[in-house]
């Protein structure tokens, strides 16, 4: 759902499979303090998961963040 929303916005993104290399999931947990995926970053800003991304869209804050990220 996060990819669909970002595609709708025309926002480029990189997808990292945290299970593709040993240690990536642990690094994600250390950086985000969350174990679930996706964990979304716009630039250096940690958005959170899809619910957080969607909440930004509902509050009309996502476009501005994408423009600066």
C-alpha atoms as a PDB file:
ATOM      1  CA  UNK A   1       0.000   0.000   0.000  1.00  0.00           C
ATOM      2  CA  UNK A   2       2.899   2.362   0.716  1.00  0.00           C
ATOM      3  CA  UNK A   3       4.348   1.748  -2.742  1.00  0.00           C
ATOM      4  CA  UNK A   4       0.943   2.390  -4.334  1.00  0.00           C
ATOM      5  CA  UNK A   5       0.603   5.721  -2.529  1.00  0.00           C
ATOM      6  CA  UNK A   6       4.126   6.797  -3.459  1.00  0.00           C
ATOM      7  CA  UNK A   7       3.541   5.706  -7.072  1.00  0.00           C
ATOM      8  CA  UNK A   8       0.312   7.743  -7.133  1.00  0.00           C
ATOM      9  CA  UNK A   9       2.324  10.747  -5.951  1.00  0.00           C
ATOM     10  CA  UNK A  10       5.007  10.123  -8.572  1.00  0.00           C
ATOM     11  CA  UNK A  11       7.571   9.903  -5.790  1.00  0.00           C
ATOM     12  CA  UNK A  12      10.707   7.866  -6.477  1.00  0.00           C
ATOM     13  CA  UNK A  13      11.700   5.355  -3.820  1.00  0.00           C
ATOM     14  CA  UNK A  14      14.182   2.614  -3.114  1.00  0.00           C
ATOM     15  CA  UNK A  15      13.002  -0.637  -1.640  1.00  0.00           C
ATOM     16  CA  UNK A  16      15.364  -2.516   0.649  1.00  0.00           C
ATOM     17  CA  UNK A  17      14.541  -6.109   1.551  1.00  0.00           C
ATOM     18  CA  UNK A  18      15.753  -6.326   5.152  1.00  0.00           C
ATOM     19  CA  UNK A  19      15.822 -10.118   4.927  1.00  0.00           C
ATOM     20  CA  UNK A  20      18.156 -10.141   1.914  1.00  0.00           C
ATOM     21  CA  UNK A  21      21.367  -9.756   3.922  1.00  0.00           C
ATOM     22  CA  UNK A  22      22.277 -10.749   7.455  1.00  0.00           C
ATOM     23  CA  UNK A  23      22.121  -7.818   9.829  1.00  0.00           C
ATOM     24  CA  UNK A  24      19.838  -5.538   7.778  1.00  0.00           C
ATOM     25  CA  UNK A  25      16.748  -6.229   9.883  1.00  0.00           C
ATOM     26  CA  UNK A  26      18.712  -5.633  13.080  1.00  0.00           C
ATOM     27  CA  UNK A  27      20.040  -2.353  11.650  1.00  0.00           C
ATOM     28  CA  UNK A  28      16.484  -1.284  10.798  1.00  0.00           C
ATOM     29  CA  UNK A  29      15.302  -2.065  14.331  1.00  0.00           C
ATOM     30  CA  UNK A  30      18.209  -0.090  15.819  1.00  0.00           C
ATOM     31  CA  UNK A  31      17.473   2.930  13.599  1.00  0.00           C
ATOM     32  CA  UNK A  32      13.675   2.895  13.945  1.00  0.00           C
ATOM     33  CA  UNK A  33      12.993   1.022  17.181  1.00  0.00           C
ATOM     34  CA  UNK A  34      10.331  -0.861  15.186  1.00  0.00           C
ATOM     35  CA  UNK A  35      10.308  -4.466  14.005  1.00  0.00           C
ATOM     36  CA  UNK A  36       7.608  -4.269  11.333  1.00  0.00           C
ATOM     37  CA  UNK A  37       7.994  -3.492   7.656  1.00  0.00           C
ATOM     38  CA  UNK A  38       7.744  -1.295   5.814  1.00  0.00           C
ATOM     39  CA  UNK A  39       9.678   1.394   7.618  1.00  0.00           C
ATOM     40  CA  UNK A  40       9.604   4.487   5.466  1.00  0.00           C
ATOM     41  CA  UNK A  41      12.179   7.238   5.302  1.00  0.00           C
ATOM     42  CA  UNK A  42      11.833  10.415   3.280  1.00  0.00           C
ATOM     43  CA  UNK A  43      15.333  11.752   3.070  1.00  0.00           C
ATOM     44  CA  UNK A  44      16.704  11.346   6.589  1.00  0.00           C
ATOM     45  CA  UNK A  45      13.246  11.693   8.170  1.00  0.00           C
ATOM     46  CA  UNK A  46      11.783   8.467   9.557  1.00  0.00           C
ATOM     47  CA  UNK A  47       8.088   8.535   8.715  1.00  0.00           C
ATOM     48  CA  UNK A  48       7.250   5.172  10.251  1.00  0.00           C
ATOM     49  CA  UNK A  49       5.045   2.591   8.590  1.00  0.00           C
ATOM     50  CA  UNK A  50       2.245   2.855   6.066  1.00  0.00           C
ATOM     51  CA  UNK A  51      -0.258   4.077   8.664  1.00  0.00           C
ATOM     52  CA  UNK A  52       2.079   6.979   9.443  1.00  0.00           C
ATOM     53  CA  UNK A  53       2.593   7.708   5.740  1.00  0.00           C
ATOM     54  CA  UNK A  54      -1.152   7.643   5.144  1.00  0.00           C
ATOM     55  CA  UNK A  55      -1.757   9.942   8.130  1.00  0.00           C
ATOM     56  CA  UNK A  56       0.594  12.495   6.558  1.00  0.00           C
ATOM     57  CA  UNK A  57      -1.415  12.248   3.340  1.00  0.00           C
ATOM     58  CA  UNK A  58      -4.704  12.765   5.206  1.00  0.00           C
ATOM     59  CA  UNK A  59      -3.262  15.861   6.941  1.00  0.00           C
ATOM     60  CA  UNK A  60      -2.059  17.187   3.544  1.00  0.00           C
ATOM     61  CA  UNK A  61       1.544  17.113   4.789  1.00  0.00           C
ATOM     62  CA  UNK A  62       2.953  14.373   2.570  1.00  0.00           C
ATOM     63  CA  UNK A  63       3.439  16.458  -0.598  1.00  0.00           C
ATOM     64  CA  UNK A  64       5.490  19.062   1.260  1.00  0.00           C
ATOM     65  CA  UNK A  65       7.628  16.401   2.879  1.00  0.00           C
ATOM     66  CA  UNK A  66       8.199  14.686  -0.470  1.00  0.00           C
ATOM     67  CA  UNK A  67       9.221  18.013  -2.005  1.00  0.00           C
ATOM     68  CA  UNK A  68      11.922  18.523   0.631  1.00  0.00           C
ATOM     69  CA  UNK A  69      13.012  14.875   0.971  1.00  0.00           C
END
